[in-house]
Amino acid sequence: MEKLRLKQAVIVEGRYDKVKLDAMVDAIILPTNGFGVFSNRELRELICKLAAQNGIILLTDSDAAGFKIRNYLRGIIPAEQITNVYIPDVFGREKRKHIASKEGKIGVEGMSIETLHEAFARAGVLPDTRQQSQKTITKLDLFEDGLYGGNNSTEKRRKLFELLGLPARLSVNTVLPLLNRMLTREEYTTKLAELNNL
């Protein structure tokens, strides 16, 4: 599979994530060294500089630590300079580790290249040749479809995210642009039907 050439820098959590991405993309790949970015002013300044130049792609694990790092960076970098790529919740452990992570989820380093390609495509980083419907999915649609603001909406949303290969921790505001990028209106309706038949 040919490497994906990106102008944006890709921000990952650790060096093993960087090794995994090196096999897939031709881009600047910069690890945050986990929570090290919180105390490393030079690293933060570099990330901000790269974001201002060409934008950045945030690719962290789908556990609490990954979302903490992602949210921290989203707090210091303008939203228009960030493309969020999310990996699905996959349970297990990475091959190099003796035990699973605290939440039992596999991180970026443990994802297959195919799964990472799918994650990049969902975020709109890879070309999408599908004809997109003009009608977008709105928060009102999520409400009317029982995915927001109702009884069991959180659980129903979690099941939809699982069907779509998205992490369960996504908020409604975060997932709306993703849904509109990932699915046509017709595909969204089909997924809802599939979800209701579970």
N, C-alpha and C. Protein backbone atom coordinates (compact mmCIF):
# COMPACT_ATOMS: atom_id res chain seq x y z
N MET A 1 0.84 -1.19 0.00
CA MET A 1 0.00 0.00 0.00
C MET A 1 0.89 1.25 0.00
N GLU A 2 0.59 2.18 -0.88
CA GLU A 2 1.39 3.39 -1.00
C GLU A 2 1.17 4.32 0.20
N LYS A 3 2.26 4.96 0.63
CA LYS A 3 2.16 5.88 1.77
C LYS A 3 1.33 7.10 1.40
N LEU A 4 0.58 7.56 2.36
CA LEU A 4 -0.25 8.75 2.20
C LEU A 4 0.60 9.98 2.48
N ARG A 5 0.73 10.86 1.50
CA ARG A 5 1.50 12.10 1.68
C ARG A 5 0.60 13.17 2.28
N LEU A 6 1.02 13.71 3.42
CA LEU A 6 0.21 14.71 4.11
C LEU A 6 1.01 15.99 4.32
N LYS A 7 0.35 17.12 4.15
CA LYS A 7 1.02 18.38 4.47
C LYS A 7 0.90 18.68 5.96
N GLN A 8 -0.17 18.18 6.60
CA GLN A 8 -0.34 18.40 8.03
C GLN A 8 0.63 17.50 8.81
N ALA A 9 1.04 17.98 9.97
CA ALA A 9 1.78 17.13 10.90
C ALA A 9 0.78 16.25 11.63
N VAL A 10 1.19 15.03 11.95
CA VAL A 10 0.34 14.12 12.70
C VAL A 10 0.86 14.05 14.13
N ILE A 11 -0.02 14.35 15.09
CA ILE A 11 0.36 14.35 16.50
C ILE A 11 -0.17 13.06 17.13
N VAL A 12 0.76 12.27 17.68
CA VAL A 12 0.41 11.01 18.33
C VAL A 12 0.93 11.04 19.77
N GLU A 13 0.58 10.01 20.54
CA GLU A 13 0.97 10.00 21.96
C GLU A 13 2.41 9.56 22.19
N GLY A 14 2.83 8.48 21.56
CA GLY A 14 4.14 7.93 21.89
C GLY A 14 4.95 7.48 20.70
N ARG A 15 6.17 7.02 20.96
CA ARG A 15 7.08 6.65 19.88
C ARG A 15 6.63 5.41 19.13
N TYR A 16 5.94 4.49 19.81
CA TYR A 16 5.46 3.30 19.11
C TYR A 16 4.31 3.65 18.16
N ASP A 17 3.52 4.66 18.54
CA ASP A 17 2.48 5.18 17.63
C ASP A 17 3.15 5.77 16.39
N LYS A 18 4.25 6.48 16.62
CA LYS A 18 5.00 7.09 15.51
C LYS A 18 5.53 6.02 14.57
N VAL A 19 6.07 4.94 15.14
CA VAL A 19 6.59 3.84 14.32
C VAL A 19 5.48 3.26 13.45
N LYS A 20 4.30 3.06 14.04
CA LYS A 20 3.16 2.51 13.29
C LYS A 20 2.77 3.45 12.15
N LEU A 21 2.69 4.74 12.44
CA LEU A 21 2.28 5.71 11.41
C LEU A 21 3.32 5.88 10.32
N ASP A 22 4.60 5.71 10.67
CA ASP A 22 5.66 5.82 9.67
C ASP A 22 5.45 4.86 8.51
N ALA A 23 4.82 3.73 8.79
CA ALA A 23 4.56 2.74 7.73
C ALA A 23 3.42 3.15 6.83
N MET A 24 2.65 4.14 7.25
CA MET A 24 1.43 4.49 6.53
C MET A 24 1.46 5.86 5.88
N VAL A 25 2.10 6.84 6.54
CA VAL A 25 2.07 8.21 6.03
C VAL A 25 3.46 8.77 5.81
N ASP A 26 3.54 9.67 4.84
CA ASP A 26 4.73 10.45 4.59
C ASP A 26 4.41 11.85 5.10
N ALA A 27 4.79 12.11 6.34
CA ALA A 27 4.43 13.38 6.99
C ALA A 27 5.31 13.56 8.22
N ILE A 28 5.26 14.74 8.79
CA ILE A 28 5.88 14.96 10.09
C ILE A 28 5.00 14.25 11.11
N ILE A 29 5.59 13.36 11.90
CA ILE A 29 4.85 12.66 12.95
C ILE A 29 5.52 13.02 14.27
N LEU A 30 4.75 13.64 15.14
CA LEU A 30 5.32 14.18 16.37
C LEU A 30 4.62 13.58 17.59
N PRO A 31 5.36 12.83 18.44
CA PRO A 31 4.74 12.29 19.65
C PRO A 31 4.69 13.33 20.77
N THR A 32 3.64 13.25 21.58
CA THR A 32 3.50 14.17 22.72
C THR A 32 4.23 13.64 23.95
N ASN A 33 4.76 12.40 23.84
CA ASN A 33 5.35 11.72 25.00
C ASN A 33 4.33 11.64 26.12
N GLY A 34 3.16 11.17 25.76
CA GLY A 34 2.07 11.05 26.73
C GLY A 34 1.70 12.41 27.28
N PHE A 35 1.61 12.48 28.60
CA PHE A 35 1.28 13.75 29.25
C PHE A 35 2.47 14.72 29.28
N GLY A 36 3.59 14.31 28.73
CA GLY A 36 4.78 15.17 28.71
C GLY A 36 4.53 16.51 28.05
N VAL A 37 3.60 16.55 27.11
CA VAL A 37 3.28 17.79 26.40
C VAL A 37 2.75 18.85 27.37
N PHE A 38 2.15 18.44 28.48
CA PHE A 38 1.60 19.39 29.44
C PHE A 38 2.69 20.27 30.06
N SER A 39 3.87 19.70 30.24
CA SER A 39 4.95 20.44 30.91
C SER A 39 6.08 20.85 29.97
N ASN A 40 6.01 20.46 28.71
CA ASN A 40 7.09 20.75 27.77
C ASN A 40 6.70 21.94 26.88
N ARG A 41 7.12 23.14 27.29
CA ARG A 41 6.75 24.36 26.57
C ARG A 41 7.26 24.35 25.13
N GLU A 42 8.49 23.87 24.91
CA GLU A 42 9.05 23.84 23.55
C GLU A 42 8.24 22.94 22.62
N LEU A 43 7.82 21.80 23.14
CA LEU A 43 7.00 20.88 22.34
C LEU A 43 5.66 21.52 22.00
N ARG A 44 5.04 22.16 22.98
CA ARG A 44 3.76 22.84 22.73
C ARG A 44 3.93 23.93 21.67
N GLU A 45 4.99 24.71 21.77
CA GLU A 45 5.24 25.78 20.80
C GLU A 45 5.45 25.22 19.40
N LEU A 46 6.15 24.09 19.31
CA LEU A 46 6.38 23.46 18.01
C LEU A 46 5.05 22.97 17.42
N ILE A 47 4.24 22.33 18.24
CA ILE A 47 2.93 21.85 17.75
C ILE A 47 2.08 23.02 17.28
N CYS A 48 2.07 24.11 18.05
CA CYS A 48 1.29 25.30 17.66
C CYS A 48 1.81 25.90 16.35
N LYS A 49 3.13 25.89 16.19
CA LYS A 49 3.73 26.42 14.96
C LYS A 49 3.35 25.56 13.76
N LEU A 50 3.44 24.24 13.91
CA LEU A 50 3.06 23.33 12.83
C LEU A 50 1.58 23.48 12.48
N ALA A 51 0.75 23.66 13.51
CA ALA A 51 -0.69 23.84 13.29
C ALA A 51 -0.96 25.11 12.49
N ALA A 52 -0.26 26.20 12.83
CA ALA A 52 -0.46 27.48 12.14
C ALA A 52 0.02 27.41 10.69
N GLN A 53 1.06 26.63 10.43
CA GLN A 53 1.62 26.54 9.07
C GLN A 53 0.71 25.74 8.14
N ASN A 54 0.42 24.50 8.50
CA ASN A 54 -0.33 23.61 7.60
C ASN A 54 -1.46 22.85 8.28
N GLY A 55 -1.69 23.09 9.55
CA GLY A 55 -2.68 22.32 10.28
C GLY A 55 -2.07 21.05 10.86
N ILE A 56 -2.77 20.47 11.81
CA ILE A 56 -2.31 19.22 12.40
C ILE A 56 -3.45 18.20 12.39
N ILE A 57 -3.05 16.95 12.45
CA ILE A 57 -3.98 15.84 12.61
C ILE A 57 -3.75 15.26 14.00
N LEU A 58 -4.79 15.23 14.83
CA LEU A 58 -4.69 14.64 16.16
C LEU A 58 -5.12 13.19 16.10
N LEU A 59 -4.22 12.30 16.50
CA LEU A 59 -4.51 10.86 16.50
C LEU A 59 -4.03 10.29 17.83
N THR A 60 -4.93 10.22 18.80
CA THR A 60 -4.59 9.67 20.11
C THR A 60 -5.38 8.40 20.34
N ASP A 61 -5.02 7.68 21.39
CA ASP A 61 -5.76 6.46 21.75
C ASP A 61 -7.18 6.85 22.14
N SER A 62 -8.07 5.85 22.17
CA SER A 62 -9.48 6.13 22.47
C SER A 62 -9.81 5.95 23.95
N ASP A 63 -8.78 5.91 24.79
CA ASP A 63 -9.01 5.81 26.24
C ASP A 63 -9.04 7.19 26.87
N ALA A 64 -9.24 7.23 28.19
CA ALA A 64 -9.35 8.52 28.91
C ALA A 64 -8.09 9.36 28.75
N ALA A 65 -6.92 8.73 28.82
CA ALA A 65 -5.65 9.47 28.68
C ALA A 65 -5.54 10.10 27.29
N GLY A 66 -5.91 9.34 26.26
CA GLY A 66 -5.85 9.87 24.90
C GLY A 66 -6.77 11.07 24.71
N PHE A 67 -7.97 11.00 25.30
CA PHE A 67 -8.90 12.12 25.19
C PHE A 67 -8.44 13.31 26.02
N LYS A 68 -7.75 13.06 27.12
CA LYS A 68 -7.23 14.17 27.94
C LYS A 68 -6.17 14.94 27.15
N ILE A 69 -5.28 14.23 26.48
CA ILE A 69 -4.23 14.86 25.66
C ILE A 69 -4.88 15.61 24.49
N ARG A 70 -5.82 14.95 23.82
CA ARG A 70 -6.52 15.57 22.67
C ARG A 70 -7.21 16.86 23.10
N ASN A 71 -7.95 16.80 24.21
CA ASN A 71 -8.68 17.98 24.67
C ASN A 71 -7.75 19.10 25.12
N TYR A 72 -6.63 18.73 25.69
CA TYR A 72 -5.64 19.76 26.09
C TYR A 72 -5.15 20.50 24.84
N LEU A 73 -4.78 19.76 23.80
CA LEU A 73 -4.27 20.39 22.58
C LEU A 73 -5.36 21.20 21.88
N ARG A 74 -6.59 20.73 21.95
CA ARG A 74 -7.70 21.49 21.35
C ARG A 74 -7.94 22.79 22.12
N GLY A 75 -7.48 22.84 23.35
CA GLY A 75 -7.62 24.06 24.14
C GLY A 75 -6.57 25.12 23.82
N ILE A 76 -5.46 24.72 23.17
CA ILE A 76 -4.40 25.69 22.88
C ILE A 76 -4.22 25.95 21.38
N ILE A 77 -4.95 25.21 20.55
CA ILE A 77 -4.83 25.36 19.10
C ILE A 77 -6.21 25.66 18.52
N PRO A 78 -6.31 26.66 17.63
CA PRO A 78 -7.62 26.97 17.03
C PRO A 78 -8.23 25.77 16.31
N ALA A 79 -9.53 25.61 16.46
CA ALA A 79 -10.24 24.44 15.92
C ALA A 79 -10.03 24.28 14.41
N GLU A 80 -9.96 25.40 13.70
CA GLU A 80 -9.83 25.31 12.23
C GLU A 80 -8.47 24.76 11.80
N GLN A 81 -7.51 24.68 12.71
CA GLN A 81 -6.19 24.14 12.39
C GLN A 81 -6.06 22.66 12.74
N ILE A 82 -7.12 22.06 13.24
CA ILE A 82 -7.07 20.67 13.71
C ILE A 82 -8.01 19.78 12.91
N THR A 83 -7.49 18.62 12.51
CA THR A 83 -8.31 17.54 11.98
C THR A 83 -8.23 16.41 13.00
N ASN A 84 -9.37 16.00 13.52
CA ASN A 84 -9.41 14.93 14.51
C ASN A 84 -9.63 13.59 13.81
N VAL A 85 -8.71 12.66 14.06
CA VAL A 85 -8.85 11.28 13.58
C VAL A 85 -9.04 10.41 14.81
N TYR A 86 -10.10 9.61 14.80
CA TYR A 86 -10.43 8.77 15.94
C TYR A 86 -10.31 7.29 15.57
N ILE A 87 -9.66 6.53 16.44
CA ILE A 87 -9.63 5.08 16.25
C ILE A 87 -10.80 4.46 17.02
N PRO A 88 -11.27 3.29 16.58
CA PRO A 88 -12.39 2.66 17.28
C PRO A 88 -11.96 2.08 18.62
N ASP A 89 -12.93 1.80 19.48
CA ASP A 89 -12.68 1.08 20.72
C ASP A 89 -12.47 -0.39 20.37
N VAL A 90 -11.24 -0.86 20.51
CA VAL A 90 -10.92 -2.27 20.29
C VAL A 90 -10.28 -2.77 21.58
N PHE A 91 -10.82 -3.85 22.12
CA PHE A 91 -10.33 -4.34 23.40
C PHE A 91 -9.31 -5.46 23.20
N GLY A 92 -8.28 -5.41 24.02
CA GLY A 92 -7.19 -6.38 23.95
C GLY A 92 -5.92 -5.73 24.46
N ARG A 93 -4.79 -6.21 24.00
CA ARG A 93 -3.52 -5.59 24.38
C ARG A 93 -2.55 -5.61 23.20
N GLU A 94 -1.63 -4.64 23.21
CA GLU A 94 -0.62 -4.58 22.16
C GLU A 94 0.36 -5.74 22.33
N LYS A 95 0.92 -6.19 21.23
CA LYS A 95 1.83 -7.35 21.25
C LYS A 95 3.05 -7.14 22.15
N ARG A 96 3.56 -5.92 22.20
CA ARG A 96 4.78 -5.69 22.97
C ARG A 96 4.53 -5.59 24.47
N LYS A 97 3.27 -5.50 24.88
CA LYS A 97 2.93 -5.33 26.30
C LYS A 97 2.53 -6.67 26.92
N HIS A 98 2.89 -6.84 28.19
CA HIS A 98 2.56 -8.07 28.90
C HIS A 98 1.12 -8.07 29.42
N ILE A 99 0.61 -6.87 29.73
CA ILE A 99 -0.77 -6.77 30.21
C ILE A 99 -1.50 -5.68 29.41
N ALA A 100 -2.80 -5.76 29.43
CA ALA A 100 -3.61 -4.76 28.72
C ALA A 100 -3.55 -3.42 29.45
N SER A 101 -3.94 -2.37 28.77
CA SER A 101 -3.99 -1.04 29.38
C SER A 101 -5.05 -1.01 30.47
N LYS A 102 -5.09 0.07 31.23
CA LYS A 102 -6.05 0.22 32.34
C LYS A 102 -7.49 -0.01 31.89
N GLU A 103 -7.85 0.55 30.72
CA GLU A 103 -9.22 0.40 30.21
C GLU A 103 -9.37 -0.82 29.31
N GLY A 104 -8.27 -1.51 29.05
CA GLY A 104 -8.32 -2.71 28.21
C GLY A 104 -8.45 -2.44 26.73
N LYS A 105 -8.17 -1.20 26.31
CA LYS A 105 -8.31 -0.85 24.89
C LYS A 105 -6.95 -0.86 24.19
N ILE A 106 -6.97 -1.28 22.94
CA ILE A 106 -5.77 -1.22 22.12
C ILE A 106 -5.60 0.20 21.61
N GLY A 107 -4.37 0.70 21.64
CA GLY A 107 -4.10 2.06 21.19
C GLY A 107 -3.72 2.11 19.72
N VAL A 108 -3.26 3.27 19.30
CA VAL A 108 -2.87 3.49 17.91
C VAL A 108 -1.84 2.46 17.46
N GLU A 109 -0.86 2.19 18.30
CA GLU A 109 0.22 1.26 17.90
C GLU A 109 -0.30 -0.14 17.62
N GLY A 110 -1.42 -0.53 18.22
CA GLY A 110 -1.96 -1.87 18.04
C GLY A 110 -2.97 -1.99 16.92
N MET A 111 -3.34 -0.88 16.31
CA MET A 111 -4.31 -0.90 15.21
C MET A 111 -3.65 -1.41 13.92
N SER A 112 -4.42 -2.08 13.10
CA SER A 112 -3.92 -2.49 11.79
C SER A 112 -3.83 -1.26 10.89
N ILE A 113 -3.00 -1.36 9.87
CA ILE A 113 -2.88 -0.27 8.90
C ILE A 113 -4.23 -0.02 8.22
N GLU A 114 -4.98 -1.09 7.96
CA GLU A 114 -6.30 -0.96 7.32
C GLU A 114 -7.25 -0.16 8.22
N THR A 115 -7.23 -0.46 9.53
CA THR A 115 -8.10 0.26 10.47
C THR A 115 -7.71 1.73 10.53
N LEU A 116 -6.41 2.01 10.52
CA LEU A 116 -5.95 3.40 10.53
C LEU A 116 -6.35 4.12 9.24
N HIS A 117 -6.26 3.44 8.10
CA HIS A 117 -6.70 4.04 6.84
C HIS A 117 -8.18 4.40 6.92
N GLU A 118 -8.98 3.49 7.49
CA GLU A 118 -10.42 3.75 7.64
C GLU A 118 -10.66 4.96 8.54
N ALA A 119 -9.88 5.07 9.62
CA ALA A 119 -10.02 6.20 10.54
C ALA A 119 -9.68 7.52 9.85
N PHE A 120 -8.62 7.52 9.05
CA PHE A 120 -8.24 8.72 8.31
C PHE A 120 -9.32 9.07 7.28
N ALA A 121 -9.88 8.04 6.62
CA ALA A 121 -10.93 8.29 5.63
C ALA A 121 -12.18 8.87 6.29
N ARG A 122 -12.55 8.35 7.47
CA ARG A 122 -13.72 8.88 8.19
C ARG A 122 -13.55 10.35 8.52
N ALA A 123 -12.31 10.75 8.79
CA ALA A 123 -12.04 12.15 9.15
C ALA A 123 -11.91 13.04 7.92
N GLY A 124 -12.02 12.45 6.73
CA GLY A 124 -11.93 13.24 5.51
C GLY A 124 -10.51 13.50 5.05
N VAL A 125 -9.55 12.79 5.63
CA VAL A 125 -8.15 12.98 5.24
C VAL A 125 -7.86 12.27 3.93
N LEU A 126 -8.48 11.11 3.72
CA LEU A 126 -8.34 10.39 2.46
C LEU A 126 -9.46 10.81 1.52
N PRO A 127 -9.22 10.77 0.23
CA PRO A 127 -10.28 11.15 -0.70
C PRO A 127 -11.51 10.27 -0.52
N ASP A 128 -12.66 10.85 -0.58
CA ASP A 128 -13.92 10.13 -0.49
C ASP A 128 -14.64 10.37 -1.81
N THR A 129 -14.84 9.31 -2.55
CA THR A 129 -15.41 9.45 -3.89
C THR A 129 -16.93 9.35 -3.90
N ARG A 130 -17.53 9.14 -2.72
CA ARG A 130 -18.98 9.04 -2.67
C ARG A 130 -19.63 10.40 -2.94
N GLN A 131 -20.80 10.34 -3.54
CA GLN A 131 -21.58 11.56 -3.76
C GLN A 131 -22.28 11.89 -2.44
N GLN A 132 -22.01 13.03 -1.88
CA GLN A 132 -22.60 13.40 -0.60
C GLN A 132 -23.98 14.02 -0.78
N SER A 133 -24.87 13.63 0.10
CA SER A 133 -26.22 14.21 0.12
C SER A 133 -26.12 15.67 0.57
N GLN A 134 -26.98 16.52 0.04
CA GLN A 134 -26.95 17.93 0.42
C GLN A 134 -27.46 18.15 1.84
N LYS A 135 -28.37 17.29 2.30
CA LYS A 135 -28.97 17.47 3.61
C LYS A 135 -28.05 16.94 4.70
N THR A 136 -27.68 17.79 5.62
CA THR A 136 -26.77 17.37 6.68
C THR A 136 -27.55 16.78 7.85
N ILE A 137 -26.83 16.02 8.66
CA ILE A 137 -27.39 15.44 9.87
C ILE A 137 -27.23 16.49 10.97
N THR A 138 -28.30 16.78 11.70
CA THR A 138 -28.28 17.84 12.71
C THR A 138 -28.49 17.25 14.10
N LYS A 139 -28.31 18.11 15.11
CA LYS A 139 -28.55 17.71 16.49
C LYS A 139 -30.03 17.35 16.68
N LEU A 140 -30.91 18.05 15.97
CA LEU A 140 -32.34 17.75 16.03
C LEU A 140 -32.61 16.34 15.49
N ASP A 141 -31.90 15.97 14.42
CA ASP A 141 -32.05 14.61 13.89
C ASP A 141 -31.66 13.58 14.95
N LEU A 142 -30.53 13.84 15.64
CA LEU A 142 -30.08 12.91 16.67
C LEU A 142 -31.12 12.81 17.79
N PHE A 143 -31.71 13.95 18.14
CA PHE A 143 -32.75 13.96 19.18
C PHE A 143 -33.97 13.15 18.72
N GLU A 144 -34.44 13.43 17.51
CA GLU A 144 -35.62 12.74 16.99
C GLU A 144 -35.39 11.24 16.79
N ASP A 145 -34.13 10.87 16.54
CA ASP A 145 -33.79 9.47 16.33
C ASP A 145 -33.41 8.75 17.62
N GLY A 146 -33.56 9.45 18.76
CA GLY A 146 -33.31 8.83 20.06
C GLY A 146 -31.84 8.70 20.43
N LEU A 147 -30.98 9.45 19.74
CA LEU A 147 -29.54 9.38 20.00
C LEU A 147 -29.05 10.50 20.91
N TYR A 148 -29.96 11.39 21.30
CA TYR A 148 -29.56 12.56 22.09
C TYR A 148 -30.74 13.03 22.92
N GLY A 149 -30.51 13.26 24.20
CA GLY A 149 -31.49 13.91 25.05
C GLY A 149 -32.68 13.08 25.49
N GLY A 150 -32.62 11.76 25.30
CA GLY A 150 -33.76 10.93 25.70
C GLY A 150 -33.33 9.76 26.56
N ASN A 151 -34.30 8.96 26.95
CA ASN A 151 -34.01 7.76 27.72
C ASN A 151 -33.17 6.80 26.87
N ASN A 152 -32.11 6.30 27.45
CA ASN A 152 -31.21 5.35 26.79
C ASN A 152 -30.49 5.91 25.56
N SER A 153 -30.50 7.24 25.38
CA SER A 153 -29.84 7.82 24.20
C SER A 153 -28.33 7.59 24.23
N THR A 154 -27.74 7.62 25.43
CA THR A 154 -26.29 7.40 25.53
C THR A 154 -25.93 6.00 25.07
N GLU A 155 -26.70 5.02 25.51
CA GLU A 155 -26.45 3.63 25.12
C GLU A 155 -26.68 3.42 23.63
N LYS A 156 -27.74 4.02 23.10
CA LYS A 156 -28.03 3.90 21.67
C LYS A 156 -26.92 4.56 20.84
N ARG A 157 -26.43 5.72 21.32
CA ARG A 157 -25.34 6.41 20.64
C ARG A 157 -24.07 5.54 20.67
N ARG A 158 -23.81 4.91 21.83
CA ARG A 158 -22.62 4.05 21.96
C ARG A 158 -22.68 2.91 20.94
N LYS A 159 -23.87 2.34 20.76
CA LYS A 159 -24.03 1.24 19.79
C LYS A 159 -23.82 1.72 18.36
N LEU A 160 -24.30 2.93 18.07
CA LEU A 160 -24.07 3.50 16.74
C LEU A 160 -22.58 3.73 16.51
N PHE A 161 -21.89 4.29 17.52
CA PHE A 161 -20.45 4.52 17.39
C PHE A 161 -19.72 3.20 17.14
N GLU A 162 -20.17 2.15 17.83
CA GLU A 162 -19.55 0.83 17.64
C GLU A 162 -19.75 0.35 16.20
N LEU A 163 -20.96 0.53 15.66
CA LEU A 163 -21.23 0.15 14.27
C LEU A 163 -20.34 0.91 13.29
N LEU A 164 -20.06 2.18 13.64
CA LEU A 164 -19.28 3.04 12.74
C LEU A 164 -17.78 2.98 13.00
N GLY A 165 -17.37 2.23 14.03
CA GLY A 165 -15.94 2.13 14.34
C GLY A 165 -15.40 3.37 15.01
N LEU A 166 -16.23 4.03 15.82
CA LEU A 166 -15.82 5.25 16.53
C LEU A 166 -15.73 4.96 18.02
N PRO A 167 -14.89 5.71 18.75
CA PRO A 167 -14.79 5.49 20.19
C PRO A 167 -16.05 5.96 20.92
N ALA A 168 -16.38 5.28 22.01
CA ALA A 168 -17.60 5.56 22.76
C ALA A 168 -17.58 6.93 23.44
N ARG A 169 -16.41 7.50 23.68
CA ARG A 169 -16.29 8.74 24.45
C ARG A 169 -16.67 10.01 23.69
N LEU A 170 -17.00 9.92 22.42
CA LEU A 170 -17.29 11.12 21.64
C LEU A 170 -18.57 11.80 22.14
N SER A 171 -18.53 13.12 22.20
CA SER A 171 -19.72 13.89 22.57
C SER A 171 -20.58 14.10 21.32
N VAL A 172 -21.81 14.52 21.53
CA VAL A 172 -22.73 14.79 20.42
C VAL A 172 -22.15 15.89 19.52
N ASN A 173 -21.63 16.96 20.11
CA ASN A 173 -21.08 18.07 19.31
C ASN A 173 -19.86 17.63 18.51
N THR A 174 -19.08 16.72 19.06
CA THR A 174 -17.89 16.24 18.35
C THR A 174 -18.28 15.30 17.21
N VAL A 175 -19.30 14.47 17.45
CA VAL A 175 -19.62 13.45 16.46
C VAL A 175 -20.40 13.99 15.26
N LEU A 176 -21.13 15.09 15.42
CA LEU A 176 -21.94 15.61 14.30
C LEU A 176 -21.11 15.88 13.04
N PRO A 177 -20.01 16.64 13.13
CA PRO A 177 -19.24 16.84 11.90
C PRO A 177 -18.67 15.54 11.33
N LEU A 178 -18.33 14.60 12.22
CA LEU A 178 -17.83 13.31 11.76
C LEU A 178 -18.91 12.55 11.00
N LEU A 179 -20.12 12.51 11.56
CA LEU A 179 -21.22 11.81 10.88
C LEU A 179 -21.47 12.40 9.50
N ASN A 180 -21.42 13.73 9.41
CA ASN A 180 -21.67 14.38 8.13
C ASN A 180 -20.55 14.16 7.13
N ARG A 181 -19.35 13.90 7.64
CA ARG A 181 -18.24 13.60 6.75
C ARG A 181 -18.24 12.13 6.33
N MET A 182 -18.65 11.27 7.27
CA MET A 182 -18.59 9.82 7.05
C MET A 182 -19.74 9.27 6.23
N LEU A 183 -20.95 9.83 6.44
CA LEU A 183 -22.16 9.22 5.91
C LEU A 183 -22.97 10.19 5.07
N THR A 184 -23.58 9.67 4.03
CA THR A 184 -24.62 10.43 3.35
C THR A 184 -25.87 10.32 4.22
N ARG A 185 -26.87 11.11 3.90
CA ARG A 185 -28.12 11.05 4.65
C ARG A 185 -28.74 9.65 4.56
N GLU A 186 -28.66 9.06 3.38
CA GLU A 186 -29.21 7.72 3.16
C GLU A 186 -28.45 6.68 3.97
N GLU A 187 -27.13 6.79 4.01
CA GLU A 187 -26.32 5.84 4.78
C GLU A 187 -26.61 5.96 6.28
N TYR A 188 -26.83 7.19 6.74
CA TYR A 188 -27.19 7.41 8.14
C TYR A 188 -28.51 6.70 8.46
N THR A 189 -29.50 6.83 7.59
CA THR A 189 -30.80 6.18 7.77
C THR A 189 -30.65 4.67 7.80
N THR A 190 -29.80 4.13 6.93
CA THR A 190 -29.55 2.69 6.88
C THR A 190 -28.90 2.22 8.18
N LYS A 191 -27.92 2.98 8.68
CA LYS A 191 -27.26 2.62 9.94
C LYS A 191 -28.25 2.65 11.10
N LEU A 192 -29.16 3.63 11.10
CA LEU A 192 -30.17 3.71 12.15
C LEU A 192 -31.06 2.48 12.13
N ALA A 193 -31.47 2.05 10.94
CA ALA A 193 -32.31 0.86 10.81
C ALA A 193 -31.57 -0.36 11.33
N GLU A 194 -30.28 -0.45 10.97
CA GLU A 194 -29.44 -1.55 11.45
C GLU A 194 -29.33 -1.53 12.97
N LEU A 195 -29.19 -0.33 13.51
CA LEU A 195 -29.08 -0.17 14.96
C LEU A 195 -30.37 -0.58 15.66
N ASN A 196 -31.50 -0.21 15.09
CA ASN A 196 -32.80 -0.55 15.69
C ASN A 196 -33.11 -2.04 15.61
N ASN A 197 -32.42 -2.74 14.72
CA ASN A 197 -32.63 -4.19 14.60
C ASN A 197 -31.71 -5.01 15.50
N LEU A 198 -30.81 -4.34 16.22
CA LEU A 198 -29.89 -5.05 17.12
C LEU A 198 -30.62 -5.57 18.33
